[in-house]
């Protein structure tokens, strides 16, 4: 997560997997003093990552989101870095909610005169240090498990924009079922953002290949570029490469 030291990330990961932990439990697990743990917990609380109470701590984010955030993080960052390199100074882009797509914003640093429209509550942490980025957050109903704003208000506001590129994440992708997700609201947002863009780019780690979510977003041929990592098997690469889309392996 943005702005965390290695030790802080360890603490957050423990809380994500174990739930509420005491200072003593964290101290014993990480082999550091209770004083050191309390200092880390104060720092994490100030950053809004955890909540503290009576000598213990719990993650401030939904457990499902924390699990997604830590899963395949290094691959997600590589994918996002390649995606961000497609953005030129002066571009207008949309970024959907999702852990991989949120990382795209992390690598926009140094770009000039960008406008970013998003429904992700994570994006502001990445762009607030870049004064050259204009950030628009659409309104809507907050979903903690996705760190997203969704629903009719978000969909209505997205109608007001047209952008050069939409960067979209997904819970699953396959040749037969296309892009899928577990929540109808997420599918609606991705479809709407894609419809408002000249170029549609999907960022997804290969572990999600042949995962089939509850709701279909679109067919694979409805996107322009799919960026994934090099763990994707050769048969899948051949199948996707036969479609009229650009496949980028990182």
C-alpha atoms as a PDB file:
ATOM      1  CA  UNK A   1       0.000   0.000   0.000  1.00  0.00           C
ATOM      2  CA  UNK A   2       1.170   3.509  -0.756  1.00  0.00           C
ATOM      3  CA  UNK A   3       3.475   5.235   1.732  1.00  0.00           C
ATOM      4  CA  UNK A   4       4.137   2.229   3.971  1.00  0.00           C
ATOM      5  CA  UNK A   5       7.489   0.917   5.115  1.00  0.00           C
ATOM      6  CA  UNK A   6       8.303  -2.771   4.768  1.00  0.00           C
ATOM      7  CA  UNK A   7       7.601  -3.366   8.463  1.00  0.00           C
ATOM      8  CA  UNK A   8       4.303  -1.485   8.273  1.00  0.00           C
ATOM      9  CA  UNK A   9       3.285  -3.624   5.294  1.00  0.00           C
ATOM     10  CA  UNK A  10       4.066  -6.740   7.355  1.00  0.00           C
ATOM     11  CA  UNK A  11       1.819  -5.518  10.149  1.00  0.00           C
ATOM     12  CA  UNK A  12      -1.020  -4.692   7.751  1.00  0.00           C
ATOM     13  CA  UNK A  13      -0.706  -8.110   6.102  1.00  0.00           C
ATOM     14  CA  UNK A  14      -0.898  -9.840   9.489  1.00  0.00           C
ATOM     15  CA  UNK A  15      -4.001  -7.872  10.420  1.00  0.00           C
ATOM     16  CA  UNK A  16      -5.561  -8.646   7.036  1.00  0.00           C
ATOM     17  CA  UNK A  17      -5.127 -12.380   7.563  1.00  0.00           C
ATOM     18  CA  UNK A  18      -5.683 -12.678  11.312  1.00  0.00           C
ATOM     19  CA  UNK A  19      -8.164  -9.911  12.068  1.00  0.00           C
ATOM     20  CA  UNK A  20      -7.700  -8.055  15.365  1.00  0.00           C
ATOM     21  CA  UNK A  21      -4.296  -8.608  17.001  1.00  0.00           C
ATOM     22  CA  UNK A  22      -2.879  -7.315  20.269  1.00  0.00           C
ATOM     23  CA  UNK A  23       0.358  -5.413  20.617  1.00  0.00           C
ATOM     24  CA  UNK A  24       1.818  -8.452  22.399  1.00  0.00           C
ATOM     25  CA  UNK A  25       0.828 -10.804  19.573  1.00  0.00           C
ATOM     26  CA  UNK A  26       2.363  -8.517  16.964  1.00  0.00           C
ATOM     27  CA  UNK A  27       5.495  -8.083  19.065  1.00  0.00           C
ATOM     28  CA  UNK A  28       5.937 -11.849  19.442  1.00  0.00           C
ATOM     29  CA  UNK A  29       5.290 -12.549  15.766  1.00  0.00           C
ATOM     30  CA  UNK A  30       7.632  -9.866  14.404  1.00  0.00           C
ATOM     31  CA  UNK A  31      10.285 -10.264  17.145  1.00  0.00           C
ATOM     32  CA  UNK A  32      10.371  -6.584  18.058  1.00  0.00           C
ATOM     33  CA  UNK A  33       9.543  -4.746  21.270  1.00  0.00           C
ATOM     34  CA  UNK A  34       6.055  -3.647  22.248  1.00  0.00           C
ATOM     35  CA  UNK A  35       7.257  -0.037  22.188  1.00  0.00           C
ATOM     36  CA  UNK A  36       8.336  -0.442  18.567  1.00  0.00           C
ATOM     37  CA  UNK A  37       4.993  -2.029  17.637  1.00  0.00           C
ATOM     38  CA  UNK A  38       3.076   0.818  19.276  1.00  0.00           C
ATOM     39  CA  UNK A  39       5.108   3.343  17.270  1.00  0.00           C
ATOM     40  CA  UNK A  40       4.279   1.514  14.044  1.00  0.00           C
ATOM     41  CA  UNK A  41       0.621   1.302  14.991  1.00  0.00           C
ATOM     42  CA  UNK A  42       0.458   5.041  15.690  1.00  0.00           C
ATOM     43  CA  UNK A  43       1.975   5.701  12.270  1.00  0.00           C
ATOM     44  CA  UNK A  44      -0.447   3.321  10.539  1.00  0.00           C
ATOM     45  CA  UNK A  45      -3.423   4.836  12.329  1.00  0.00           C
ATOM     46  CA  UNK A  46      -2.347   8.322  11.266  1.00  0.00           C
ATOM     47  CA  UNK A  47      -2.230   7.080   7.662  1.00  0.00           C
ATOM     48  CA  UNK A  48      -5.760   5.713   7.971  1.00  0.00           C
ATOM     49  CA  UNK A  49      -4.719   2.101   7.375  1.00  0.00           C
ATOM     50  CA  UNK A  50      -5.660   0.616  10.768  1.00  0.00           C
ATOM     51  CA  UNK A  51      -7.847   1.300  13.790  1.00  0.00           C
ATOM     52  CA  UNK A  52      -6.450   0.957  17.331  1.00  0.00           C
ATOM     53  CA  UNK A  53      -8.341   0.090  20.498  1.00  0.00           C
ATOM     54  CA  UNK A  54      -7.245  -0.981  24.011  1.00  0.00           C
ATOM     55  CA  UNK A  55      -3.831  -2.383  23.139  1.00  0.00           C
ATOM     56  CA  UNK A  56      -4.844  -4.013  19.885  1.00  0.00           C
ATOM     57  CA  UNK A  57      -5.310  -3.123  16.215  1.00  0.00           C
ATOM     58  CA  UNK A  58      -7.499  -4.087  13.285  1.00  0.00           C
ATOM     59  CA  UNK A  59      -7.236  -3.257   9.586  1.00  0.00           C
ATOM     60  CA  UNK A  60      -9.309  -0.259   8.502  1.00  0.00           C
ATOM     61  CA  UNK A  61     -10.094  -1.834   5.134  1.00  0.00           C
ATOM     62  CA  UNK A  62     -12.549  -4.610   4.345  1.00  0.00           C
ATOM     63  CA  UNK A  63     -10.886  -8.074   4.694  1.00  0.00           C
ATOM     64  CA  UNK A  64     -11.806  -9.040   1.116  1.00  0.00           C
ATOM     65  CA  UNK A  65     -10.154  -5.920  -0.225  1.00  0.00           C
ATOM     66  CA  UNK A  66      -7.038  -6.494   1.882  1.00  0.00           C
ATOM     67  CA  UNK A  67      -6.774 -10.011   0.475  1.00  0.00           C
ATOM     68  CA  UNK A  68      -7.024  -8.697  -3.086  1.00  0.00           C
ATOM     69  CA  UNK A  69      -4.518  -5.927  -2.381  1.00  0.00           C
ATOM     70  CA  UNK A  70      -1.811  -8.301  -1.187  1.00  0.00           C
ATOM     71  CA  UNK A  71      -2.433 -11.005  -3.823  1.00  0.00           C
ATOM     72  CA  UNK A  72       0.102 -10.982  -6.706  1.00  0.00           C
ATOM     73  CA  UNK A  73       1.092  -7.430  -5.815  1.00  0.00           C
ATOM     74  CA  UNK A  74       4.435  -7.437  -7.659  1.00  0.00           C
ATOM     75  CA  UNK A  75       2.843  -8.654 -10.883  1.00  0.00           C
ATOM     76  CA  UNK A  76       0.092  -6.080 -10.564  1.00  0.00           C
ATOM     77  CA  UNK A  77       2.641  -3.291 -10.183  1.00  0.00           C
ATOM     78  CA  UNK A  78       4.537  -4.387 -13.307  1.00  0.00           C
ATOM     79  CA  UNK A  79       1.304  -4.500 -15.301  1.00  0.00           C
ATOM     80  CA  UNK A  80       0.281  -1.072 -14.029  1.00  0.00           C
ATOM     81  CA  UNK A  81       3.671   0.419 -14.821  1.00  0.00           C
ATOM     82  CA  UNK A  82       3.404  -0.660 -18.461  1.00  0.00           C
ATOM     83  CA  UNK A  83      -0.160   0.670 -18.617  1.00  0.00           C
ATOM     84  CA  UNK A  84       0.876   4.046 -17.204  1.00  0.00           C
ATOM     85  CA  UNK A  85       3.614   4.345 -19.839  1.00  0.00           C
ATOM     86  CA  UNK A  86       0.846   4.577 -22.462  1.00  0.00           C
ATOM     87  CA  UNK A  87      -0.375   7.849 -20.989  1.00  0.00           C
ATOM     88  CA  UNK A  88       0.924  11.014 -22.638  1.00  0.00           C
ATOM     89  CA  UNK A  89       1.098  14.540 -21.266  1.00  0.00           C
ATOM     90  CA  UNK A  90      -2.276  16.195 -21.711  1.00  0.00           C
ATOM     91  CA  UNK A  91      -4.278  12.960 -21.804  1.00  0.00           C
ATOM     92  CA  UNK A  92      -7.683  12.517 -20.198  1.00  0.00           C
ATOM     93  CA  UNK A  93      -8.145   9.073 -18.694  1.00  0.00           C
ATOM     94  CA  UNK A  94     -10.526   7.002 -16.593  1.00  0.00           C
ATOM     95  CA  UNK A  95      -9.456   4.392 -14.055  1.00  0.00           C
ATOM     96  CA  UNK A  96     -11.953   1.867 -12.725  1.00  0.00           C
ATOM     97  CA  UNK A  97     -11.889   0.540  -9.187  1.00  0.00           C
ATOM     98  CA  UNK A  98      -9.678  -2.487  -8.627  1.00  0.00           C
ATOM     99  CA  UNK A  99      -6.291  -3.172  -7.064  1.00  0.00           C
ATOM    100  CA  UNK A 100      -4.370  -3.490 -10.343  1.00  0.00           C
ATOM    101  CA  UNK A 101      -6.022  -0.523 -12.027  1.00  0.00           C
ATOM    102  CA  UNK A 102      -5.410   1.643  -8.948  1.00  0.00           C
ATOM    103  CA  UNK A 103      -1.687   0.974  -9.280  1.00  0.00           C
ATOM    104  CA  UNK A 104      -1.794   2.680 -12.709  1.00  0.00           C
ATOM    105  CA  UNK A 105      -2.216   5.986 -10.897  1.00  0.00           C
ATOM    106  CA  UNK A 106       0.908   5.252  -8.837  1.00  0.00           C
ATOM    107  CA  UNK A 107       3.050   5.358 -11.980  1.00  0.00           C
ATOM    108  CA  UNK A 108       1.620   8.547 -13.470  1.00  0.00           C
ATOM    109  CA  UNK A 109       4.084  10.642 -11.482  1.00  0.00           C
ATOM    110  CA  UNK A 110       5.921  13.058 -13.759  1.00  0.00           C
ATOM    111  CA  UNK A 111       3.126  13.231 -16.339  1.00  0.00           C
ATOM    112  CA  UNK A 112       1.858  16.731 -17.045  1.00  0.00           C
ATOM    113  CA  UNK A 113      -1.594  18.206 -17.543  1.00  0.00           C
ATOM    114  CA  UNK A 114      -3.498  14.971 -16.903  1.00  0.00           C
ATOM    115  CA  UNK A 115      -7.179  14.678 -16.068  1.00  0.00           C
ATOM    116  CA  UNK A 116      -8.171  11.501 -14.248  1.00  0.00           C
ATOM    117  CA  UNK A 117     -11.775  10.417 -13.662  1.00  0.00           C
ATOM    118  CA  UNK A 118     -12.342   7.489 -11.296  1.00  0.00           C
ATOM    119  CA  UNK A 119     -14.766   5.738  -8.964  1.00  0.00           C
ATOM    120  CA  UNK A 120     -11.886   4.249  -6.932  1.00  0.00           C
ATOM    121  CA  UNK A 121     -11.371   5.583  -3.420  1.00  0.00           C
ATOM    122  CA  UNK A 122      -7.697   4.516  -3.592  1.00  0.00           C
ATOM    123  CA  UNK A 123      -6.581   6.830  -6.386  1.00  0.00           C
ATOM    124  CA  UNK A 124      -6.243  10.048  -4.373  1.00  0.00           C
ATOM    125  CA  UNK A 125      -3.410   8.568  -2.300  1.00  0.00           C
ATOM    126  CA  UNK A 126      -1.349   8.139  -5.462  1.00  0.00           C
ATOM    127  CA  UNK A 127      -2.057  11.413  -7.264  1.00  0.00           C
ATOM    128  CA  UNK A 128      -2.159  13.952  -4.427  1.00  0.00           C
ATOM    129  CA  UNK A 129       1.619  14.489  -4.695  1.00  0.00           C
ATOM    130  CA  UNK A 130       1.395  15.378  -8.398  1.00  0.00           C
ATOM    131  CA  UNK A 131       0.008  18.907  -8.899  1.00  0.00           C
ATOM    132  CA  UNK A 132      -0.152  18.312 -12.668  1.00  0.00           C
ATOM    133  CA  UNK A 133      -2.994  15.808 -12.267  1.00  0.00           C
ATOM    134  CA  UNK A 134      -6.599  16.968 -12.059  1.00  0.00           C
ATOM    135  CA  UNK A 135      -8.616  14.292 -10.245  1.00  0.00           C
ATOM    136  CA  UNK A 136     -12.380  13.891 -10.561  1.00  0.00           C
ATOM    137  CA  UNK A 137     -14.091  11.461  -8.187  1.00  0.00           C
ATOM    138  CA  UNK A 138     -17.595  10.484  -9.228  1.00  0.00           C
ATOM    139  CA  UNK A 139     -20.209  10.207  -6.518  1.00  0.00           C
ATOM    140  CA  UNK A 140     -22.222   7.139  -5.640  1.00  0.00           C
ATOM    141  CA  UNK A 141     -22.720   4.432  -3.036  1.00  0.00           C
ATOM    142  CA  UNK A 142     -19.566   3.316  -1.234  1.00  0.00           C
ATOM    143  CA  UNK A 143     -18.634  -0.380  -1.367  1.00  0.00           C
ATOM    144  CA  UNK A 144     -15.911  -1.161   1.233  1.00  0.00           C
ATOM    145  CA  UNK A 145     -15.076  -4.583  -0.227  1.00  0.00           C
ATOM    146  CA  UNK A 146     -14.125  -2.943  -3.531  1.00  0.00           C
ATOM    147  CA  UNK A 147     -13.046   0.519  -2.282  1.00  0.00           C
ATOM    148  CA  UNK A 148     -15.401   1.853  -4.933  1.00  0.00           C
ATOM    149  CA  UNK A 149     -18.249   4.275  -5.552  1.00  0.00           C
ATOM    150  CA  UNK A 150     -21.004   2.668  -7.611  1.00  0.00           C
ATOM    151  CA  UNK A 151     -24.672   2.936  -8.507  1.00  0.00           C
ATOM    152  CA  UNK A 152     -26.936   5.302 -10.498  1.00  0.00           C
ATOM    153  CA  UNK A 153     -25.223   8.517  -9.389  1.00  0.00           C
ATOM    154  CA  UNK A 154     -21.795   7.295 -10.494  1.00  0.00           C
ATOM    155  CA  UNK A 155     -23.157   6.050 -13.826  1.00  0.00           C
ATOM    156  CA  UNK A 156     -24.976   9.324 -14.464  1.00  0.00           C
ATOM    157  CA  UNK A 157     -21.916  11.468 -13.736  1.00  0.00           C
ATOM    158  CA  UNK A 158     -19.687   9.368 -16.006  1.00  0.00           C
ATOM    159  CA  UNK A 159     -21.924  10.359 -18.932  1.00  0.00           C
ATOM    160  CA  UNK A 160     -20.473  13.872 -18.681  1.00  0.00           C
ATOM    161  CA  UNK A 161     -16.959  12.857 -19.753  1.00  0.00           C
ATOM    162  CA  UNK A 162     -15.069  11.528 -22.743  1.00  0.00           C
ATOM    163  CA  UNK A 163     -11.469  10.384 -22.325  1.00  0.00           C
ATOM    164  CA  UNK A 164      -8.517   9.122 -24.347  1.00  0.00           C
ATOM    165  CA  UNK A 165      -8.067   5.883 -22.392  1.00  0.00           C
ATOM    166  CA  UNK A 166     -10.005   3.871 -19.838  1.00  0.00           C
ATOM    167  CA  UNK A 167      -7.946   1.514 -17.693  1.00  0.00           C
ATOM    168  CA  UNK A 168     -10.135  -1.267 -16.335  1.00  0.00           C
ATOM    169  CA  UNK A 169      -9.589  -4.116 -13.945  1.00  0.00           C
ATOM    170  CA  UNK A 170     -11.590  -7.337 -13.836  1.00  0.00           C
ATOM    171  CA  UNK A 171     -12.142 -10.316 -11.536  1.00  0.00           C
ATOM    172  CA  UNK A 172     -11.811 -12.843 -14.358  1.00  0.00           C
ATOM    173  CA  UNK A 173     -11.138 -13.201 -18.075  1.00  0.00           C
ATOM    174  CA  UNK A 174     -11.480 -16.038 -20.534  1.00  0.00           C
ATOM    175  CA  UNK A 175     -11.895 -16.686 -24.252  1.00  0.00           C
ATOM    176  CA  UNK A 176     -15.422 -18.041 -23.844  1.00  0.00           C
ATOM    177  CA  UNK A 177     -16.840 -15.758 -21.159  1.00  0.00           C
ATOM    178  CA  UNK A 178     -14.849 -12.572 -21.756  1.00  0.00           C
ATOM    179  CA  UNK A 179     -14.381 -10.195 -18.836  1.00  0.00           C
ATOM    180  CA  UNK A 180     -16.380 -10.997 -15.722  1.00  0.00           C
ATOM    181  CA  UNK A 181     -16.804  -9.720 -12.189  1.00  0.00           C
ATOM    182  CA  UNK A 182     -18.561 -10.779  -9.013  1.00  0.00           C
ATOM    183  CA  UNK A 183     -20.774  -7.703  -8.613  1.00  0.00           C
ATOM    184  CA  UNK A 184     -23.360  -6.303 -11.018  1.00  0.00           C
ATOM    185  CA  UNK A 185     -22.509  -2.763  -9.924  1.00  0.00           C
ATOM    186  CA  UNK A 186     -18.851  -3.212 -10.858  1.00  0.00           C
ATOM    187  CA  UNK A 187     -19.809  -4.520 -14.293  1.00  0.00           C
ATOM    188  CA  UNK A 188     -22.020  -1.480 -14.882  1.00  0.00           C
ATOM    189  CA  UNK A 189     -19.209   0.917 -13.982  1.00  0.00           C
ATOM    190  CA  UNK A 190     -16.627  -0.784 -16.213  1.00  0.00           C
ATOM    191  CA  UNK A 191     -19.032  -0.862 -19.175  1.00  0.00           C
ATOM    192  CA  UNK A 192     -19.870   2.804 -18.739  1.00  0.00           C
ATOM    193  CA  UNK A 193     -16.223   3.896 -18.407  1.00  0.00           C
ATOM    194  CA  UNK A 194     -15.290   1.835 -21.449  1.00  0.00           C
ATOM    195  CA  UNK A 195     -18.062   3.466 -23.473  1.00  0.00           C
ATOM    196  CA  UNK A 196     -16.649   6.927 -22.676  1.00  0.00           C
ATOM    197  CA  UNK A 197     -13.129   6.170 -23.971  1.00  0.00           C
ATOM    198  CA  UNK A 198     -11.392   6.163 -27.331  1.00  0.00           C
ATOM    199  CA  UNK A 199      -9.108   3.326 -26.191  1.00  0.00           C
ATOM    200  CA  UNK A 200     -10.008   0.555 -23.750  1.00  0.00           C
ATOM    201  CA  UNK A 201      -7.158  -1.086 -21.808  1.00  0.00           C
ATOM    202  CA  UNK A 202      -7.654  -4.011 -19.431  1.00  0.00           C
ATOM    203  CA  UNK A 203      -5.051  -4.562 -16.702  1.00  0.00           C
ATOM    204  CA  UNK A 204      -5.284  -7.985 -15.057  1.00  0.00           C
ATOM    205  CA  UNK A 205      -2.834 -10.479 -13.565  1.00  0.00           C
ATOM    206  CA  UNK A 206      -2.738 -13.939 -15.141  1.00  0.00           C
ATOM    207  CA  UNK A 207      -4.082 -15.719 -12.046  1.00  0.00           C
ATOM    208  CA  UNK A 208      -7.519 -14.496 -13.115  1.00  0.00           C
ATOM    209  CA  UNK A 209      -7.438 -16.297 -16.467  1.00  0.00           C
ATOM    210  CA  UNK A 210     -10.390 -18.690 -16.704  1.00  0.00           C
ATOM    211  CA  UNK A 211     -11.847 -17.311 -13.481  1.00  0.00           C
ATOM    212  CA  UNK A 212     -15.524 -16.780 -14.251  1.00  0.00           C
ATOM    213  CA  UNK A 213     -17.330 -14.148 -12.215  1.00  0.00           C
ATOM    214  CA  UNK A 214     -21.062 -13.933 -11.637  1.00  0.00           C
ATOM    215  CA  UNK A 215     -21.610 -11.037 -14.058  1.00  0.00           C
ATOM    216  CA  UNK A 216     -20.283 -10.623 -17.583  1.00  0.00           C
ATOM    217  CA  UNK A 217     -18.784  -7.236 -18.377  1.00  0.00           C
ATOM    218  CA  UNK A 218     -18.038  -7.672 -22.076  1.00  0.00           C
ATOM    219  CA  UNK A 219     -16.348  -9.914 -24.628  1.00  0.00           C
ATOM    220  CA  UNK A 220     -12.560  -9.845 -24.941  1.00  0.00           C
ATOM    221  CA  UNK A 221     -12.877  -8.451 -28.480  1.00  0.00           C
ATOM    222  CA  UNK A 222     -14.640  -5.405 -27.040  1.00  0.00           C
ATOM    223  CA  UNK A 223     -11.349  -4.116 -25.590  1.00  0.00           C
ATOM    224  CA  UNK A 224      -8.356  -2.752 -27.474  1.00  0.00           C
ATOM    225  CA  UNK A 225      -5.442  -3.847 -25.276  1.00  0.00           C
ATOM    226  CA  UNK A 226      -5.060  -6.493 -22.581  1.00  0.00           C
ATOM    227  CA  UNK A 227      -2.007  -6.302 -20.313  1.00  0.00           C
ATOM    228  CA  UNK A 228      -1.128  -9.293 -18.144  1.00  0.00           C
ATOM    229  CA  UNK A 229       1.944 -11.041 -16.751  1.00  0.00           C
ATOM    230  CA  UNK A 230       4.239 -13.767 -18.065  1.00  0.00           C
ATOM    231  CA  UNK A 231       2.687 -16.566 -16.029  1.00  0.00           C
ATOM    232  CA  UNK A 232      -0.108 -16.818 -18.592  1.00  0.00           C
ATOM    233  CA  UNK A 233       0.219 -20.224 -20.262  1.00  0.00           C
ATOM    234  CA  UNK A 234       1.220 -20.536 -23.914  1.00  0.00           C
ATOM    235  CA  UNK A 235      -2.141 -21.939 -25.030  1.00  0.00           C
ATOM    236  CA  UNK A 236      -3.964 -18.951 -23.536  1.00  0.00           C
ATOM    237  CA  UNK A 237      -1.478 -16.590 -25.190  1.00  0.00           C
ATOM    238  CA  UNK A 238      -2.115 -18.227 -28.573  1.00  0.00           C
ATOM    239  CA  UNK A 239      -5.888 -18.077 -28.116  1.00  0.00           C
ATOM    240  CA  UNK A 240      -5.947 -14.441 -27.079  1.00  0.00           C
ATOM    241  CA  UNK A 241      -3.424 -13.473 -29.766  1.00  0.00           C
ATOM    242  CA  UNK A 242      -5.810 -14.859 -32.393  1.00  0.00           C
ATOM    243  CA  UNK A 243      -8.381 -12.223 -31.413  1.00  0.00           C
ATOM    244  CA  UNK A 244      -8.411  -8.693 -32.865  1.00  0.00           C
ATOM    245  CA  UNK A 245      -6.950  -7.170 -29.690  1.00  0.00           C
ATOM    246  CA  UNK A 246      -3.417  -6.296 -28.630  1.00  0.00           C
ATOM    247  CA  UNK A 247      -1.976  -8.589 -25.958  1.00  0.00           C
ATOM    248  CA  UNK A 248       0.942  -7.264 -23.890  1.00  0.00           C
ATOM    249  CA  UNK A 249       2.837  -9.652 -21.622  1.00  0.00           C
ATOM    250  CA  UNK A 250       5.054  -8.142 -18.916  1.00  0.00           C
END
